[in-house]
Amino acid sequence: MKTFREQIAADNTAAFINLLEFADKHNLNGTECSAILQDISVAEGLSTGTGSSQTYPGIYGSRLQVNCLAEALPELPVYGQLFGVNDKQYLVESCADDMGILTIQLVANDR
């Protein structure tokens, strides 16, 4: 009988980060591995001034959430690190390890 932790590790590969279900092959910072990418593009306006002088200079960029097995990467990404996904460079905003699955939040300035 498997322990709870052993079952979670098996489920991470068999169910969540599975090429037949949710994941695809991607190049994550030079490492080919199975991952789930969720693109969250942003066009966010920051308001400056008040009344008739109020303006909204835009900040244009993209956010990407990456889920992969922690064991798939040679090192865990850290805040501020340059991190490549396929052919695009991002900065790491955060990285969390939830029982063997990493959730990596990335940002890029597309302007």
N, C-alpha and C. Protein backbone atom coordinates (compact mmCIF):
# COMPACT_ATOMS: atom_id res chain seq x y z
N MET A 1 0.83 -1.18 0.00
CA MET A 1 0.00 0.00 0.00
C MET A 1 0.89 1.26 0.00
N LYS A 2 0.52 2.22 -0.83
CA LYS A 2 1.29 3.46 -0.93
C LYS A 2 0.93 4.40 0.21
N THR A 3 1.93 5.18 0.62
CA THR A 3 1.65 6.25 1.59
C THR A 3 0.96 7.39 0.84
N PHE A 4 0.43 8.33 1.58
CA PHE A 4 -0.24 9.48 0.98
C PHE A 4 0.73 10.26 0.09
N ARG A 5 1.94 10.49 0.58
CA ARG A 5 2.94 11.24 -0.20
C ARG A 5 3.33 10.49 -1.48
N GLU A 6 3.45 9.18 -1.40
CA GLU A 6 3.76 8.39 -2.59
C GLU A 6 2.62 8.46 -3.60
N GLN A 7 1.39 8.44 -3.12
CA GLN A 7 0.24 8.53 -4.02
C GLN A 7 0.17 9.90 -4.68
N ILE A 8 0.46 10.97 -3.92
CA ILE A 8 0.47 12.32 -4.50
C ILE A 8 1.52 12.40 -5.60
N ALA A 9 2.72 11.89 -5.35
CA ALA A 9 3.80 11.91 -6.36
C ALA A 9 3.38 11.16 -7.61
N ALA A 10 2.73 10.03 -7.45
CA ALA A 10 2.26 9.25 -8.61
C ALA A 10 1.18 10.01 -9.36
N ASP A 11 0.26 10.63 -8.64
CA ASP A 11 -0.82 11.40 -9.27
C ASP A 11 -0.29 12.63 -10.00
N ASN A 12 0.75 13.26 -9.47
CA ASN A 12 1.32 14.44 -10.13
C ASN A 12 1.70 14.13 -11.57
N THR A 13 2.32 12.97 -11.79
CA THR A 13 2.74 12.57 -13.13
C THR A 13 1.59 11.95 -13.92
N ALA A 14 0.84 11.08 -13.30
CA ALA A 14 -0.20 10.33 -14.01
C ALA A 14 -1.42 11.18 -14.36
N ALA A 15 -1.76 12.13 -13.50
CA ALA A 15 -3.00 12.88 -13.72
C ALA A 15 -2.79 14.34 -14.10
N PHE A 16 -1.93 15.04 -13.38
CA PHE A 16 -1.86 16.49 -13.56
C PHE A 16 -0.88 16.90 -14.66
N ILE A 17 0.37 16.51 -14.55
CA ILE A 17 1.37 16.89 -15.54
C ILE A 17 1.52 15.70 -16.51
N ASN A 18 0.47 15.46 -17.25
CA ASN A 18 0.35 14.29 -18.12
C ASN A 18 0.18 14.78 -19.55
N LEU A 19 1.02 14.29 -20.45
CA LEU A 19 0.96 14.73 -21.86
C LEU A 19 -0.34 14.35 -22.55
N LEU A 20 -1.05 13.35 -22.04
CA LEU A 20 -2.32 12.96 -22.65
C LEU A 20 -3.50 13.75 -22.09
N GLU A 21 -3.27 14.50 -21.04
CA GLU A 21 -4.36 15.25 -20.42
C GLU A 21 -4.16 16.76 -20.58
N PHE A 22 -3.38 17.37 -19.69
CA PHE A 22 -3.26 18.83 -19.65
C PHE A 22 -1.94 19.36 -20.20
N ALA A 23 -0.86 18.64 -20.03
CA ALA A 23 0.48 19.16 -20.30
C ALA A 23 0.91 18.99 -21.76
N ASP A 24 1.91 19.79 -22.13
CA ASP A 24 2.60 19.69 -23.42
C ASP A 24 4.09 19.80 -23.13
N LYS A 25 4.90 19.42 -24.12
CA LYS A 25 6.35 19.57 -23.99
C LYS A 25 6.72 21.03 -24.21
N HIS A 26 7.55 21.56 -23.32
CA HIS A 26 8.02 22.95 -23.44
C HIS A 26 9.48 23.02 -23.03
N ASN A 27 10.15 24.07 -23.51
CA ASN A 27 11.52 24.35 -23.09
C ASN A 27 11.44 25.35 -21.95
N LEU A 28 11.74 24.89 -20.74
CA LEU A 28 11.71 25.75 -19.56
C LEU A 28 13.13 26.05 -19.14
N ASN A 29 13.57 27.23 -19.48
CA ASN A 29 14.90 27.70 -19.11
C ASN A 29 16.00 26.73 -19.55
N GLY A 30 15.85 26.17 -20.74
CA GLY A 30 16.84 25.26 -21.29
C GLY A 30 16.59 23.79 -21.01
N THR A 31 15.53 23.47 -20.30
CA THR A 31 15.20 22.08 -19.98
C THR A 31 13.89 21.70 -20.67
N GLU A 32 13.94 20.66 -21.51
CA GLU A 32 12.72 20.17 -22.15
C GLU A 32 11.96 19.32 -21.13
N CYS A 33 10.71 19.69 -20.87
CA CYS A 33 9.91 18.91 -19.93
C CYS A 33 8.43 19.14 -20.17
N SER A 34 7.62 18.33 -19.52
CA SER A 34 6.16 18.47 -19.59
C SER A 34 5.73 19.60 -18.67
N ALA A 35 4.85 20.45 -19.17
CA ALA A 35 4.39 21.59 -18.37
C ALA A 35 3.03 22.06 -18.88
N ILE A 36 2.34 22.76 -18.01
CA ILE A 36 1.08 23.40 -18.36
C ILE A 36 1.34 24.90 -18.33
N LEU A 37 1.05 25.59 -19.45
CA LEU A 37 1.24 27.04 -19.54
C LEU A 37 -0.11 27.72 -19.61
N GLN A 38 -0.26 28.77 -18.81
CA GLN A 38 -1.48 29.58 -18.86
C GLN A 38 -1.06 31.02 -19.09
N ASP A 39 -1.36 31.53 -20.29
CA ASP A 39 -0.98 32.89 -20.67
C ASP A 39 -2.02 33.86 -20.15
N ILE A 40 -1.56 34.87 -19.45
CA ILE A 40 -2.45 35.89 -18.90
C ILE A 40 -1.93 37.23 -19.39
N SER A 41 -2.36 37.70 -20.57
CA SER A 41 -1.89 38.97 -21.11
C SER A 41 -2.56 40.12 -20.39
N VAL A 42 -1.81 41.20 -20.25
CA VAL A 42 -2.35 42.35 -19.53
C VAL A 42 -2.14 43.62 -20.33
N ALA A 43 -3.10 44.51 -20.23
CA ALA A 43 -2.98 45.89 -20.71
C ALA A 43 -3.58 46.71 -19.58
N GLU A 44 -2.74 47.06 -18.65
CA GLU A 44 -3.20 47.65 -17.40
C GLU A 44 -2.92 49.15 -17.41
N GLY A 45 -3.93 49.94 -17.10
CA GLY A 45 -3.75 51.38 -17.07
C GLY A 45 -3.50 51.87 -15.66
N LEU A 46 -2.54 52.76 -15.51
CA LEU A 46 -2.30 53.42 -14.24
C LEU A 46 -2.82 54.83 -14.38
N SER A 47 -3.63 55.24 -13.46
CA SER A 47 -4.22 56.57 -13.50
C SER A 47 -3.28 57.57 -12.84
N THR A 48 -3.03 58.67 -13.52
CA THR A 48 -2.26 59.76 -12.92
C THR A 48 -3.08 61.03 -13.04
N GLY A 49 -2.93 61.90 -12.09
CA GLY A 49 -3.67 63.15 -12.10
C GLY A 49 -5.12 62.95 -11.67
N THR A 50 -5.88 64.05 -11.66
CA THR A 50 -7.29 63.99 -11.27
C THR A 50 -8.11 64.86 -12.20
N GLY A 51 -9.41 64.62 -12.20
CA GLY A 51 -10.33 65.43 -13.01
C GLY A 51 -9.99 65.39 -14.48
N SER A 52 -10.04 66.58 -15.13
CA SER A 52 -9.81 66.64 -16.57
C SER A 52 -8.35 66.38 -16.94
N SER A 53 -7.45 66.46 -15.97
CA SER A 53 -6.03 66.20 -16.27
C SER A 53 -5.64 64.74 -16.02
N GLN A 54 -6.65 63.90 -15.71
CA GLN A 54 -6.35 62.50 -15.44
C GLN A 54 -5.97 61.78 -16.73
N THR A 55 -4.85 61.07 -16.68
CA THR A 55 -4.40 60.31 -17.85
C THR A 55 -4.16 58.87 -17.43
N TYR A 56 -4.06 58.02 -18.42
CA TYR A 56 -3.89 56.58 -18.19
C TYR A 56 -2.73 56.03 -19.01
N PRO A 57 -1.50 56.36 -18.60
CA PRO A 57 -0.39 55.75 -19.35
C PRO A 57 -0.43 54.25 -19.17
N GLY A 58 -0.29 53.50 -20.24
CA GLY A 58 -0.45 52.05 -20.15
C GLY A 58 0.84 51.32 -19.81
N ILE A 59 0.66 50.23 -19.16
CA ILE A 59 1.75 49.28 -18.96
C ILE A 59 1.33 48.04 -19.72
N TYR A 60 2.11 47.66 -20.70
CA TYR A 60 1.75 46.53 -21.53
C TYR A 60 2.74 45.41 -21.31
N GLY A 61 2.21 44.25 -21.06
CA GLY A 61 3.10 43.12 -20.82
C GLY A 61 2.31 41.84 -20.85
N SER A 62 2.98 40.79 -20.44
CA SER A 62 2.29 39.52 -20.38
C SER A 62 2.70 38.80 -19.11
N ARG A 63 1.80 37.99 -18.65
CA ARG A 63 2.03 37.17 -17.48
C ARG A 63 1.82 35.73 -17.92
N LEU A 64 2.61 34.87 -17.36
CA LEU A 64 2.52 33.46 -17.71
C LEU A 64 2.64 32.65 -16.44
N GLN A 65 1.71 31.73 -16.27
CA GLN A 65 1.80 30.79 -15.15
C GLN A 65 2.23 29.45 -15.71
N VAL A 66 3.26 28.87 -15.11
CA VAL A 66 3.80 27.58 -15.54
C VAL A 66 3.65 26.59 -14.40
N ASN A 67 3.10 25.43 -14.72
CA ASN A 67 3.04 24.33 -13.76
C ASN A 67 3.85 23.18 -14.33
N CYS A 68 4.78 22.67 -13.53
CA CYS A 68 5.59 21.53 -13.93
C CYS A 68 6.02 20.77 -12.68
N LEU A 69 6.57 19.59 -12.89
CA LEU A 69 7.07 18.82 -11.77
C LEU A 69 8.35 19.47 -11.26
N ALA A 70 8.49 19.59 -9.96
CA ALA A 70 9.69 20.18 -9.36
C ALA A 70 10.93 19.40 -9.77
N GLU A 71 10.80 18.10 -9.87
CA GLU A 71 11.94 17.25 -10.22
C GLU A 71 12.38 17.41 -11.67
N ALA A 72 11.55 18.05 -12.50
CA ALA A 72 11.88 18.22 -13.92
C ALA A 72 12.93 19.30 -14.15
N LEU A 73 13.03 20.26 -13.23
CA LEU A 73 13.99 21.35 -13.41
C LEU A 73 15.23 21.11 -12.55
N PRO A 74 16.40 21.47 -13.08
CA PRO A 74 17.63 21.25 -12.31
C PRO A 74 17.74 22.15 -11.07
N GLU A 75 17.06 23.30 -11.09
CA GLU A 75 17.04 24.20 -9.93
C GLU A 75 15.71 24.94 -9.89
N LEU A 76 15.30 25.32 -8.69
CA LEU A 76 14.05 26.05 -8.54
C LEU A 76 14.25 27.50 -8.94
N PRO A 77 13.36 28.05 -9.74
CA PRO A 77 13.45 29.47 -10.10
C PRO A 77 13.28 30.36 -8.86
N VAL A 78 13.93 31.52 -8.87
CA VAL A 78 13.83 32.46 -7.75
C VAL A 78 13.38 33.82 -8.26
N TYR A 79 12.82 34.62 -7.37
CA TYR A 79 12.32 35.95 -7.69
C TYR A 79 13.38 36.78 -8.41
N GLY A 80 12.97 37.40 -9.53
CA GLY A 80 13.85 38.28 -10.27
C GLY A 80 14.74 37.60 -11.29
N GLN A 81 14.76 36.29 -11.30
CA GLN A 81 15.60 35.52 -12.22
C GLN A 81 15.06 35.63 -13.64
N LEU A 82 15.94 35.76 -14.62
CA LEU A 82 15.56 35.68 -16.02
C LEU A 82 15.25 34.21 -16.31
N PHE A 83 14.09 33.96 -16.93
CA PHE A 83 13.63 32.59 -17.12
C PHE A 83 13.02 32.48 -18.51
N GLY A 84 13.55 31.60 -19.33
CA GLY A 84 13.05 31.43 -20.70
C GLY A 84 11.99 30.35 -20.78
N VAL A 85 10.94 30.64 -21.55
CA VAL A 85 9.91 29.65 -21.85
C VAL A 85 9.78 29.61 -23.36
N ASN A 86 10.12 28.44 -23.91
CA ASN A 86 10.18 28.27 -25.35
C ASN A 86 11.10 29.35 -25.93
N ASP A 87 10.63 30.30 -26.67
CA ASP A 87 11.53 31.31 -27.26
C ASP A 87 11.36 32.70 -26.66
N LYS A 88 10.76 32.83 -25.49
CA LYS A 88 10.51 34.13 -24.89
C LYS A 88 11.12 34.21 -23.49
N GLN A 89 11.66 35.38 -23.17
CA GLN A 89 12.28 35.60 -21.86
C GLN A 89 11.31 36.32 -20.92
N TYR A 90 11.27 35.86 -19.69
CA TYR A 90 10.43 36.43 -18.64
C TYR A 90 11.28 36.67 -17.40
N LEU A 91 10.69 37.36 -16.44
CA LEU A 91 11.26 37.48 -15.10
C LEU A 91 10.38 36.69 -14.15
N VAL A 92 11.01 36.00 -13.22
CA VAL A 92 10.26 35.22 -12.25
C VAL A 92 9.67 36.17 -11.21
N GLU A 93 8.36 36.10 -11.06
CA GLU A 93 7.66 36.89 -10.04
C GLU A 93 7.51 36.08 -8.75
N SER A 94 7.27 34.78 -8.89
CA SER A 94 7.18 33.90 -7.73
C SER A 94 7.28 32.45 -8.19
N CYS A 95 7.63 31.59 -7.24
CA CYS A 95 7.69 30.16 -7.50
C CYS A 95 7.30 29.44 -6.22
N ALA A 96 6.30 28.58 -6.33
CA ALA A 96 5.83 27.82 -5.16
C ALA A 96 5.84 26.33 -5.50
N ASP A 97 6.27 25.54 -4.53
CA ASP A 97 6.30 24.08 -4.68
C ASP A 97 5.16 23.52 -3.84
N ASP A 98 4.16 22.97 -4.51
CA ASP A 98 3.02 22.40 -3.80
C ASP A 98 3.04 20.88 -3.98
N MET A 99 3.67 20.22 -3.05
CA MET A 99 3.76 18.77 -3.03
C MET A 99 4.32 18.20 -4.34
N GLY A 100 5.36 18.85 -4.87
CA GLY A 100 6.03 18.33 -6.05
C GLY A 100 5.66 18.99 -7.36
N ILE A 101 4.62 19.81 -7.36
CA ILE A 101 4.25 20.56 -8.57
C ILE A 101 4.59 22.03 -8.34
N LEU A 102 5.39 22.58 -9.25
CA LEU A 102 5.76 23.99 -9.16
C LEU A 102 4.70 24.85 -9.84
N THR A 103 4.41 25.98 -9.24
CA THR A 103 3.63 27.04 -9.87
C THR A 103 4.56 28.22 -9.98
N ILE A 104 4.96 28.53 -11.20
CA ILE A 104 5.90 29.60 -11.47
C ILE A 104 5.14 30.74 -12.14
N GLN A 105 5.17 31.91 -11.50
CA GLN A 105 4.53 33.11 -12.05
C GLN A 105 5.61 33.94 -12.74
N LEU A 106 5.40 34.23 -14.03
CA LEU A 106 6.38 34.97 -14.83
C LEU A 106 5.76 36.22 -15.40
N VAL A 107 6.59 37.25 -15.60
CA VAL A 107 6.13 38.50 -16.21
C VAL A 107 7.12 38.93 -17.29
N ALA A 108 6.60 39.61 -18.30
CA ALA A 108 7.44 40.16 -19.37
C ALA A 108 6.89 41.49 -19.82
N ASN A 109 7.76 42.41 -20.14
CA ASN A 109 7.35 43.70 -20.69
C ASN A 109 7.33 43.55 -22.19
N ASP A 110 6.16 43.68 -22.80
CA ASP A 110 6.01 43.49 -24.24
C ASP A 110 5.99 44.80 -25.00
N ARG A 111 6.32 45.88 -24.37
CA ARG A 111 6.25 47.18 -25.01
C ARG A 111 7.47 47.46 -25.81
